[in-house]
Amino acid sequence: MAITYWGELAALLTALSWSIGIFPFTEASRRMNPNTVNHFRLLLGVILLAIYLMISAAIGPMALITFPLPEHWLWFGLSGLVGLALGDYFGFTSYAILGTRTGSILTTLAPGASLLFGYFLLGEKLNWIGITGMAITIAGIIWITLSKKEQAKIADSEFGKKEKGIFYGVLAALCQGVGLVMAKKGMGFTIDEQALSSVHATFIRLFAATVVTYGLTIVAGKLKAINAPLLENKNNGLKFIVAGTLFGPTIGVVLSMYAVSQINVSVAQTIFSLVPVIVLPLGYIFYREKISLKSALGAAVAISGVIILIWRQEINQFLISL
């Protein structure tokens, strides 16, 4: 494979890792509760990455904080706060109200947010072929999401009205897109002409998100209630949080940081959006969930859009040569 496509490969592996992580996180949320899972996955991710960095780079705990530049802490910290702390809060609330399939439709706004914000902050652009590929991918994902009949009519739930769910879903997508652009901005600052590693960048993002998330919980006086299911390992859910954290906030986010350091943020975000597509075969493997013809066709459409997006420059050159 040509070296120019390592960023796209990392983005695809990110989507795969996040897709795998959905299943243990779902089990953990059912056995404990989503808020407990959300808190502990961030804390555990920080701990795992800190241990890995100290061993692999042979550095002490203080170097984890002092080695990165202030600019790294600024942009990666903001990225973690916006993309992981706020974005995940809005996203989980939206899913609780609308359901995962309907809520995931709104996540397709994230590539557009990345494209717009990436243009202003990073000067990134896509040609019309790339934008077409992005649109085709989003259309395929929406098709998959709407392929089941279960949510023909969304009702208000105990978590809030459906209008709140839609509003929070939009905010979640915007936070994810903007947070990723901020992360790429941080990757542009170098130490001795070397970029900060994607693992260290992920550590800073998770550290900032963890501090904010737990800080708000402590201020609200809910820390004891959040930790209770975890301390008693309610329904043996701890092992599922650990498994989900390995694939989600650790491996997946590290891969995503590498991907955005190599390719346009909007391209990476569009490839990340393939999670609903990848979940289809994984759902069959883990739960024997049948894949409908409509879902399969939607997956084919989404994948074709990604192929166009990745090969946009080559397609453009081919059309010019005609």
Protein backbone atom coordinates (compact mmCIF):
# COMPACT_ATOMS: atom_id res chain seq x y z
CA MET A 1 0.00 0.00 0.00
CA ALA A 2 1.26 3.47 -0.89
CA ILE A 3 2.44 5.48 2.07
CA THR A 4 0.00 8.27 1.13
CA TYR A 5 -2.90 6.09 2.24
CA TRP A 6 -1.77 5.30 5.79
CA GLY A 7 -4.01 8.08 7.11
CA GLU A 8 -7.06 6.59 5.42
CA LEU A 9 -6.14 3.13 6.71
CA ALA A 10 -5.81 4.50 10.25
CA ALA A 11 -9.25 6.12 9.90
CA LEU A 12 -10.77 2.81 8.78
CA LEU A 13 -9.13 1.01 11.71
CA THR A 14 -10.49 3.73 14.00
CA ALA A 15 -14.02 3.04 12.78
CA LEU A 16 -13.45 -0.70 13.27
CA SER A 17 -12.09 -0.23 16.78
CA TRP A 18 -14.98 2.03 17.80
CA SER A 19 -17.46 -0.42 16.29
CA ILE A 20 -16.04 -3.30 18.33
CA GLY A 21 -16.10 -1.13 21.46
CA ILE A 22 -19.84 -0.47 21.10
CA PHE A 23 -20.71 -4.04 22.08
CA PRO A 24 -18.95 -4.29 25.47
CA PHE A 25 -20.03 -0.72 26.28
CA THR A 26 -23.63 -1.71 25.56
CA GLU A 27 -23.32 -4.71 27.87
CA ALA A 28 -21.69 -2.56 30.57
CA SER A 29 -24.43 0.10 30.32
CA ARG A 30 -27.14 -2.54 30.69
CA ARG A 31 -25.44 -4.11 33.72
CA MET A 32 -24.55 -0.84 35.49
CA ASN A 33 -25.71 2.48 34.02
CA PRO A 34 -24.52 4.70 31.13
CA ASN A 35 -23.32 7.55 33.35
CA THR A 36 -21.09 5.27 35.42
CA VAL A 37 -19.69 3.73 32.24
CA ASN A 38 -19.05 7.15 30.69
CA HIS A 39 -17.12 8.38 33.73
CA PHE A 40 -15.00 5.31 34.34
CA ARG A 41 -14.08 4.73 30.68
CA LEU A 42 -12.41 8.17 30.61
CA LEU A 43 -10.53 7.62 33.87
CA LEU A 44 -9.43 4.13 32.87
CA GLY A 45 -8.33 5.37 29.45
CA VAL A 46 -6.11 8.01 31.07
CA ILE A 47 -4.55 5.44 33.40
CA LEU A 48 -3.89 2.91 30.62
CA LEU A 49 -2.32 5.51 28.32
CA ALA A 50 -0.20 6.94 31.15
CA ILE A 51 1.20 3.49 31.95
CA TYR A 52 1.89 2.79 28.28
CA LEU A 53 3.68 6.14 27.77
CA MET A 54 5.82 5.77 30.88
CA ILE A 55 6.93 2.28 29.84
CA SER A 56 7.39 2.85 26.11
CA ALA A 57 9.06 6.27 26.39
CA ALA A 58 10.85 5.54 29.70
CA ILE A 59 9.56 8.74 31.29
CA GLY A 60 8.25 9.58 34.75
CA PRO A 61 4.76 10.75 35.69
CA MET A 62 5.74 14.44 35.71
CA ALA A 63 7.09 14.23 32.16
CA LEU A 64 3.59 13.26 30.99
CA ILE A 65 2.56 16.77 32.00
CA THR A 66 5.72 18.80 31.39
CA PHE A 67 7.01 17.31 28.11
CA PRO A 68 4.22 18.61 25.84
CA LEU A 69 4.25 22.29 24.92
CA PRO A 70 1.68 24.75 26.35
CA GLU A 71 0.20 24.86 22.85
CA HIS A 72 -0.37 21.10 23.02
CA TRP A 73 -2.22 21.44 26.30
CA LEU A 74 -4.27 24.31 24.90
CA TRP A 75 -5.47 22.63 21.70
CA PHE A 76 -5.60 19.01 22.83
CA GLY A 77 -7.18 20.11 26.11
CA LEU A 78 -9.85 22.10 24.28
CA SER A 79 -10.32 19.18 21.91
CA GLY A 80 -10.89 16.79 24.81
CA LEU A 81 -13.24 19.19 26.53
CA VAL A 82 -15.31 19.92 23.40
CA GLY A 83 -15.12 16.58 21.60
CA LEU A 84 -15.04 14.05 24.44
CA ALA A 85 -16.54 15.70 27.54
CA LEU A 86 -19.27 17.89 26.00
CA GLY A 87 -19.68 15.88 22.79
CA ASP A 88 -20.16 12.58 24.59
CA TYR A 89 -22.51 14.13 27.15
CA PHE A 90 -24.75 15.54 24.42
CA GLY A 91 -24.46 12.31 22.41
CA PHE A 92 -25.38 9.96 25.27
CA THR A 93 -28.35 12.16 26.21
CA SER A 94 -29.53 12.23 22.60
CA TYR A 95 -29.28 8.43 22.35
CA ALA A 96 -31.20 8.02 25.60
CA ILE A 97 -34.09 10.10 24.21
CA LEU A 98 -34.11 9.16 20.52
CA GLY A 99 -32.52 5.70 20.55
CA THR A 100 -29.21 4.75 18.99
CA ARG A 101 -30.37 4.35 15.40
CA THR A 102 -32.30 7.61 15.15
CA GLY A 103 -29.70 9.44 17.22
CA SER A 104 -26.91 8.23 14.97
CA ILE A 105 -28.48 10.01 12.00
CA LEU A 106 -27.49 13.31 13.60
CA THR A 107 -23.84 12.21 13.92
CA THR A 108 -23.59 12.47 10.13
CA LEU A 109 -23.43 16.24 10.64
CA ALA A 110 -19.93 15.82 12.14
CA PRO A 111 -18.05 15.59 8.80
CA GLY A 112 -19.71 18.82 7.66
CA ALA A 113 -18.69 20.53 10.90
CA SER A 114 -15.12 19.26 10.39
CA LEU A 115 -15.10 20.50 6.80
CA LEU A 116 -16.36 23.98 7.72
CA PHE A 117 -14.28 24.48 10.88
CA GLY A 118 -11.23 22.87 9.26
CA TYR A 119 -11.40 25.43 6.45
CA PHE A 120 -11.34 28.39 8.86
CA LEU A 121 -8.85 27.02 11.41
CA LEU A 122 -6.56 24.89 9.23
CA GLY A 123 -7.19 26.10 5.70
CA GLU A 124 -8.20 22.58 4.60
CA LYS A 125 -10.22 22.20 1.43
CA LEU A 126 -11.93 19.39 -0.49
CA ASN A 127 -12.56 19.32 -4.23
CA TRP A 128 -16.08 18.72 -5.51
CA ILE A 129 -15.36 15.01 -5.96
CA GLY A 130 -14.42 14.67 -2.29
CA ILE A 131 -17.56 16.53 -1.20
CA THR A 132 -19.62 14.25 -3.47
CA GLY A 133 -18.04 11.18 -1.86
CA MET A 134 -18.79 12.60 1.59
CA ALA A 135 -22.43 13.19 0.64
CA ILE A 136 -22.80 9.66 -0.76
CA THR A 137 -21.33 8.14 2.42
CA ILE A 138 -23.65 10.15 4.66
CA ALA A 139 -26.64 9.18 2.51
CA GLY A 140 -25.74 5.48 2.83
CA ILE A 141 -25.37 5.75 6.61
CA ILE A 142 -28.74 7.48 6.95
CA TRP A 143 -30.28 4.75 4.81
CA ILE A 144 -28.89 2.06 7.13
CA THR A 145 -30.03 3.92 10.21
CA LEU A 146 -33.58 4.23 8.92
CA SER A 147 -33.75 0.70 7.56
CA LYS A 148 -35.50 -0.74 10.63
CA LYS A 149 -39.10 0.14 11.46
CA GLU A 150 -38.72 0.44 15.19
CA GLN A 151 -38.59 4.25 15.29
CA ALA A 152 -41.26 5.35 12.85
CA LYS A 153 -42.52 7.62 15.57
CA ILE A 154 -40.25 9.03 18.27
CA ALA A 155 -41.96 9.55 21.61
CA ASP A 156 -40.84 11.68 24.52
CA SER A 157 -38.96 9.66 27.14
CA GLU A 158 -38.01 9.93 30.79
CA PHE A 159 -34.77 11.60 29.70
CA GLY A 160 -36.51 14.49 27.94
CA LYS A 161 -38.63 15.55 25.01
CA LYS A 162 -37.73 14.51 21.48
CA GLU A 163 -36.94 18.15 20.58
CA LYS A 164 -34.25 18.10 23.26
CA GLY A 165 -32.92 14.83 21.84
CA ILE A 166 -32.62 16.30 18.36
CA PHE A 167 -31.02 19.51 19.67
CA TYR A 168 -28.50 17.59 21.76
CA GLY A 169 -27.76 15.26 18.83
CA VAL A 170 -26.89 18.24 16.65
CA LEU A 171 -24.69 19.69 19.40
CA ALA A 172 -22.93 16.32 19.80
CA ALA A 173 -22.10 16.17 16.08
CA LEU A 174 -20.83 19.75 16.07
CA CYS A 175 -18.68 19.10 19.16
CA GLN A 176 -17.19 15.96 17.62
CA GLY A 177 -16.34 17.70 14.35
CA VAL A 178 -14.91 20.83 15.98
CA GLY A 179 -13.03 18.79 18.60
CA LEU A 180 -11.27 16.80 15.91
CA VAL A 181 -10.18 19.96 14.09
CA MET A 182 -8.79 21.34 17.36
CA ALA A 183 -6.83 18.11 17.82
CA LYS A 184 -5.25 18.47 14.39
CA LYS A 185 -4.35 22.06 15.21
CA GLY A 186 -2.46 20.74 18.23
CA MET A 187 -0.62 18.20 16.08
CA GLY A 188 0.93 21.09 14.16
CA PHE A 189 3.16 22.14 17.06
CA THR A 190 6.49 20.31 17.22
CA ILE A 191 9.23 19.65 19.78
CA ASP A 192 12.69 19.64 18.16
CA GLU A 193 10.90 19.38 14.79
CA GLN A 194 9.05 16.27 15.96
CA ALA A 195 5.29 16.13 16.35
CA LEU A 196 3.87 14.92 19.64
CA SER A 197 2.97 11.24 19.42
CA SER A 198 -0.66 10.37 18.80
CA VAL A 199 -0.64 8.40 22.08
CA HIS A 200 0.49 11.42 24.09
CA ALA A 201 -2.00 13.63 22.26
CA THR A 202 -4.78 11.20 23.18
CA PHE A 203 -3.60 11.19 26.80
CA ILE A 204 -3.98 14.99 26.97
CA ARG A 205 -7.45 14.87 25.37
CA LEU A 206 -8.66 12.19 27.77
CA PHE A 207 -7.02 13.89 30.76
CA ALA A 208 -8.84 17.15 30.05
CA ALA A 209 -12.15 15.36 29.44
CA THR A 210 -11.76 13.32 32.64
CA VAL A 211 -10.98 16.36 34.81
CA VAL A 212 -13.99 18.28 33.45
CA THR A 213 -16.39 15.33 33.66
CA TYR A 214 -15.46 14.33 37.20
CA GLY A 215 -15.18 17.98 38.27
CA LEU A 216 -18.78 18.69 37.26
CA THR A 217 -19.94 15.49 38.96
CA ILE A 218 -18.19 16.42 42.20
CA VAL A 219 -19.66 19.94 42.13
CA ALA A 220 -23.12 18.41 41.59
CA GLY A 221 -22.55 16.11 44.57
CA LYS A 222 -23.17 12.94 42.54
CA LEU A 223 -19.75 11.26 42.72
CA LYS A 224 -20.84 8.66 45.28
CA ALA A 225 -23.88 7.67 43.22
CA ILE A 226 -21.77 7.43 40.05
CA ASN A 227 -19.15 5.22 41.68
CA ALA A 228 -21.52 2.91 43.59
CA PRO A 229 -22.27 0.45 40.74
CA LEU A 230 -18.56 0.39 39.88
CA LEU A 231 -17.35 -0.35 43.41
CA GLU A 232 -19.74 -3.28 43.79
CA ASN A 233 -19.07 -4.45 40.21
CA LYS A 234 -22.80 -4.52 39.63
CA ASN A 235 -23.88 -7.50 37.49
CA ASN A 236 -20.23 -8.21 36.73
CA GLY A 237 -20.14 -5.25 34.37
CA LEU A 238 -16.57 -4.11 35.09
CA LYS A 239 -14.95 -6.46 32.58
CA PHE A 240 -17.13 -5.04 29.82
CA ILE A 241 -16.09 -1.45 30.67
CA VAL A 242 -12.44 -2.51 30.47
CA ALA A 243 -12.95 -4.19 27.09
CA GLY A 244 -14.87 -1.23 25.71
CA THR A 245 -12.25 1.22 26.97
CA LEU A 246 -9.45 -0.68 25.22
CA PHE A 247 -11.18 -0.37 21.84
CA GLY A 248 -12.88 3.01 22.33
CA PRO A 249 -11.07 5.78 24.25
CA THR A 250 -7.62 4.16 23.93
CA ILE A 251 -6.87 2.26 20.70
CA GLY A 252 -9.64 3.96 18.72
CA VAL A 253 -8.84 7.51 19.77
CA VAL A 254 -5.07 7.00 19.32
CA LEU A 255 -5.71 5.78 15.76
CA SER A 256 -7.99 8.74 15.13
CA MET A 257 -5.26 11.15 16.21
CA TYR A 258 -2.81 9.55 13.80
CA ALA A 259 -5.40 9.66 11.02
CA VAL A 260 -6.10 13.39 11.37
CA SER A 261 -2.37 14.10 11.45
CA GLN A 262 -2.09 12.54 7.97
CA ILE A 263 -5.30 13.53 6.13
CA ASN A 264 -7.98 16.22 6.03
CA VAL A 265 -10.10 16.20 9.18
CA SER A 266 -13.35 16.10 7.18
CA VAL A 267 -12.10 13.04 5.26
CA ALA A 268 -11.15 11.30 8.50
CA GLN A 269 -14.47 12.20 10.14
CA THR A 270 -16.40 10.83 7.19
CA ILE A 271 -14.53 7.52 7.39
CA PHE A 272 -15.12 7.44 11.16
CA SER A 273 -18.84 7.74 10.36
CA LEU A 274 -18.73 4.23 8.87
CA VAL A 275 -19.30 2.82 12.37
CA PRO A 276 -23.00 1.99 11.64
CA VAL A 277 -21.85 0.14 8.52
CA ILE A 278 -19.22 -1.93 10.35
CA VAL A 279 -21.63 -2.67 13.20
CA LEU A 280 -23.87 -4.60 10.78
CA PRO A 281 -21.56 -7.64 10.29
CA LEU A 282 -20.33 -7.40 13.89
CA GLY A 283 -23.93 -7.49 15.11
CA TYR A 284 -24.44 -10.67 13.12
CA ILE A 285 -21.25 -12.22 14.56
CA PHE A 286 -21.99 -11.29 18.20
CA TYR A 287 -25.79 -11.38 18.37
CA ARG A 288 -26.83 -13.14 15.15
CA GLU A 289 -28.76 -10.02 14.11
CA LYS A 290 -29.97 -10.43 10.56
CA ILE A 291 -28.80 -7.97 7.91
CA SER A 292 -31.66 -6.82 5.70
CA LEU A 293 -31.25 -6.22 1.99
CA LYS A 294 -31.91 -2.52 2.54
CA SER A 295 -29.14 -2.34 5.15
CA ALA A 296 -26.73 -4.18 2.86
CA LEU A 297 -27.46 -1.78 0.00
CA GLY A 298 -27.02 1.19 2.34
CA ALA A 299 -23.65 -0.20 3.44
CA ALA A 300 -22.60 -0.58 -0.21
CA VAL A 301 -23.57 3.03 -0.92
CA ALA A 302 -21.66 4.30 2.14
CA ILE A 303 -18.53 2.33 1.26
CA SER A 304 -18.64 3.52 -2.36
CA GLY A 305 -18.75 7.09 -1.07
CA VAL A 306 -15.63 6.47 1.04
CA ILE A 307 -13.83 4.99 -1.97
CA ILE A 308 -14.65 8.13 -3.98
CA LEU A 309 -13.50 10.29 -1.07
CA ILE A 310 -10.17 8.48 -0.68
CA TRP A 311 -9.47 8.43 -4.43
CA ARG A 312 -10.73 11.97 -5.05
CA GLN A 313 -7.40 13.28 -6.37
CA GLU A 314 -6.90 10.36 -8.74
CA ILE A 315 -10.48 10.62 -10.00
CA ASN A 316 -10.03 14.34 -10.54
CA GLN A 317 -6.82 13.79 -12.51
CA PHE A 318 -8.53 11.12 -14.62
CA LEU A 319 -11.43 13.42 -15.45
CA ILE A 320 -9.05 16.25 -16.34
CA SER A 321 -7.17 13.95 -18.72
CA LEU A 322 -10.33 13.01 -20.65
